[in-house]
Every structure is written in structure tokens, then in C-alpha cells.
Amino acid sequence: MSRSIWKGSFLDSCFFKSPVQKKVLYIWSRRSSIPESLVGSTVFVYNGKLFKKLRITREKVGFKFGLFVKTRTNASTKKIKKQKQK
């Protein structure tokens, strides 16, 4: 079920405490929607382990921050070559 239209998009309280005119913001809330006031700025979104850099464009407005920042890494398996002993 989606969020009610009359409530508006969800924004974390960190957007209301500090001025949004800063060029670099650190965001812990991945569930917050991206507001129009952040277009053209760079934000760092926390993925549970470290902050990932995210550049905000017009196309990303309205989506959630967590959509653009992966929390899992690809598990790559490398073959280990055994050297022949002479």
C-alpha cells in the first residue's frame, strides 16, 4: 500500500533542522524522498556501512534515496590457479 496523497512525500527531520542550501549533505534516512531543493547538489547516503556519494538530478526527484544506493556487494568468486611444482 502506498502513502496517502494528502500526507505528501516523507522527509526526515534532518531536512528541517539544517539549511538545505549546503552543497554537501550527509543523509542517514534512505526512506526519505528526494526534494526539488536538492537538485544540483551532492549528498552522501548511508548504506549501513559507509556513505555513498550521490549526485542529485531532476530525474531523481520524487524517488527514495535508498533506490540509488546499494546495500549489498556482489560476491565474486575468483579461481585460484595452482602453480605446478617442478
C-alpha atoms as a PDB file:
ATOM      1  CA  MET A   1       0.000   0.000   0.000  1.00  0.00           C
ATOM      2  CA  SER A   2       1.357   3.387  -0.947  1.00  0.00           C
ATOM      3  CA  ARG A   3       1.456   6.575   1.079  1.00  0.00           C
ATOM      4  CA  SER A   4      -1.647   8.784   1.082  1.00  0.00           C
ATOM      5  CA  ILE A   5      -1.520  11.738  -1.291  1.00  0.00           C
ATOM      6  CA  TRP A   6      -2.769  14.217   1.309  1.00  0.00           C
ATOM      7  CA  LYS A   7       0.202  13.409   3.558  1.00  0.00           C
ATOM      8  CA  GLY A   8       2.782  14.348   0.923  1.00  0.00           C
ATOM      9  CA  SER A   9       6.174  12.765   0.470  1.00  0.00           C
ATOM     10  CA  PHE A  10       8.156  11.650   3.504  1.00  0.00           C
ATOM     11  CA  LEU A  11      11.109  13.796   4.540  1.00  0.00           C
ATOM     12  CA  ASP A  12      13.280  13.069   7.539  1.00  0.00           C
ATOM     13  CA  SER A  13      13.668  15.692  10.239  1.00  0.00           C
ATOM     14  CA  CYS A  14      17.277  16.392   9.179  1.00  0.00           C
ATOM     15  CA  PHE A  15      15.957  18.399   6.210  1.00  0.00           C
ATOM     16  CA  PHE A  16      14.091  20.745   8.524  1.00  0.00           C
ATOM     17  CA  LYS A  17      16.881  21.300  11.064  1.00  0.00           C
ATOM     18  CA  SER A  18      19.704  22.395   8.773  1.00  0.00           C
ATOM     19  CA  PRO A  19      19.547  24.707   5.769  1.00  0.00           C
ATOM     20  CA  VAL A  20      19.260  22.768   2.524  1.00  0.00           C
ATOM     21  CA  GLN A  21      21.394  25.278   0.631  1.00  0.00           C
ATOM     22  CA  LYS A  22      24.517  23.356   1.649  1.00  0.00           C
ATOM     23  CA  LYS A  23      26.276  21.701  -1.269  1.00  0.00           C
ATOM     24  CA  VAL A  24      27.146  18.524   0.679  1.00  0.00           C
ATOM     25  CA  LEU A  25      24.672  16.763   2.970  1.00  0.00           C
ATOM     26  CA  TYR A  26      25.040  13.537   4.935  1.00  0.00           C
ATOM     27  CA  ILE A  27      21.799  11.543   4.956  1.00  0.00           C
ATOM     28  CA  TRP A  28      21.096   8.504   7.098  1.00  0.00           C
ATOM     29  CA  SER A  29      17.443   8.165   6.102  1.00  0.00           C
ATOM     30  CA  ARG A  30      17.251   6.049   2.934  1.00  0.00           C
ATOM     31  CA  ARG A  31      13.446   6.054   3.089  1.00  0.00           C
ATOM     32  CA  SER A  32      13.171   9.832   2.577  1.00  0.00           C
ATOM     33  CA  SER A  33      12.035  11.155  -0.789  1.00  0.00           C
ATOM     34  CA  ILE A  34      14.347  13.408  -2.755  1.00  0.00           C
ATOM     35  CA  PRO A  35      13.024  17.007  -2.674  1.00  0.00           C
ATOM     36  CA  GLU A  36      13.366  19.506  -5.523  1.00  0.00           C
ATOM     37  CA  SER A  37      15.515  21.801  -3.400  1.00  0.00           C
ATOM     38  CA  LEU A  38      18.456  19.356  -3.650  1.00  0.00           C
ATOM     39  CA  VAL A  39      18.738  19.394  -7.460  1.00  0.00           C
ATOM     40  CA  GLY A  40      22.341  20.016  -8.478  1.00  0.00           C
ATOM     41  CA  SER A  41      23.823  19.196  -5.085  1.00  0.00           C
ATOM     42  CA  THR A  42      25.844  16.256  -3.852  1.00  0.00           C
ATOM     43  CA  VAL A  43      24.660  14.127  -0.944  1.00  0.00           C
ATOM     44  CA  PHE A  44      26.246  11.246   0.891  1.00  0.00           C
ATOM     45  CA  VAL A  45      23.744   8.480   1.709  1.00  0.00           C
ATOM     46  CA  TYR A  46      24.491   5.934   4.428  1.00  0.00           C
ATOM     47  CA  ASN A  47      24.062   2.337   3.248  1.00  0.00           C
ATOM     48  CA  GLY A  48      24.582   0.677   6.631  1.00  0.00           C
ATOM     49  CA  LYS A  49      28.358   0.517   6.450  1.00  0.00           C
ATOM     50  CA  LEU A  50      29.652   3.664   4.795  1.00  0.00           C
ATOM     51  CA  PHE A  51      28.472   6.762   2.949  1.00  0.00           C
ATOM     52  CA  LYS A  52      27.984   6.567  -0.811  1.00  0.00           C
ATOM     53  CA  LYS A  53      28.196   9.687  -2.960  1.00  0.00           C
ATOM     54  CA  LEU A  54      25.034  10.600  -4.872  1.00  0.00           C
ATOM     55  CA  ARG A  55      24.602  13.477  -7.313  1.00  0.00           C
ATOM     56  CA  ILE A  56      21.003  14.738  -7.448  1.00  0.00           C
ATOM     57  CA  THR A  57      19.477  15.441 -10.870  1.00  0.00           C
ATOM     58  CA  ARG A  58      15.952  16.410 -11.940  1.00  0.00           C
ATOM     59  CA  GLU A  59      15.134  12.826 -12.902  1.00  0.00           C
ATOM     60  CA  LYS A  60      15.762  11.595  -9.329  1.00  0.00           C
ATOM     61  CA  VAL A  61      13.295  13.999  -7.668  1.00  0.00           C
ATOM     62  CA  GLY A  62      10.419  12.151  -6.007  1.00  0.00           C
ATOM     63  CA  PHE A  63      12.243   8.847  -5.676  1.00  0.00           C
ATOM     64  CA  LYS A  64      13.731   7.489  -2.447  1.00  0.00           C
ATOM     65  CA  PHE A  65      17.413   7.883  -1.572  1.00  0.00           C
ATOM     66  CA  GLY A  66      17.740   4.150  -0.960  1.00  0.00           C
ATOM     67  CA  LEU A  67      16.842   3.360  -4.544  1.00  0.00           C
ATOM     68  CA  PHE A  68      20.138   4.729  -5.818  1.00  0.00           C
ATOM     69  CA  VAL A  69      22.457   3.355  -3.108  1.00  0.00           C
ATOM     70  CA  LYS A  70      23.051  -0.382  -2.930  1.00  0.00           C
ATOM     71  CA  THR A  71      23.493  -2.026   0.443  1.00  0.00           C
ATOM     72  CA  ARG A  72      24.919  -5.309  -0.757  1.00  0.00           C
ATOM     73  CA  THR A  73      28.096  -6.032  -2.635  1.00  0.00           C
ATOM     74  CA  ASN A  74      28.479  -8.533  -5.419  1.00  0.00           C
ATOM     75  CA  ALA A  75      30.067 -11.726  -4.191  1.00  0.00           C
ATOM     76  CA  SER A  76      32.646 -12.545  -6.797  1.00  0.00           C
ATOM     77  CA  THR A  77      34.435 -15.843  -6.740  1.00  0.00           C
ATOM     78  CA  LYS A  78      37.897 -15.884  -8.182  1.00  0.00           C
ATOM     79  CA  LYS A  79      39.528 -19.025  -9.379  1.00  0.00           C
ATOM     80  CA  ILE A  80      42.815 -19.697  -7.700  1.00  0.00           C
ATOM     81  CA  LYS A  81      45.319 -21.126 -10.113  1.00  0.00           C
ATOM     82  CA  LYS A  82      47.554 -23.726  -8.638  1.00  0.00           C
ATOM     83  CA  GLN A  83      51.125 -23.483  -9.786  1.00  0.00           C
ATOM     84  CA  LYS A  84      52.684 -26.678 -10.947  1.00  0.00           C
ATOM     85  CA  GLN A  85      55.601 -27.760  -8.852  1.00  0.00           C
ATOM     86  CA  LYS A  86      58.621 -28.902 -10.830  1.00  0.00           C
END
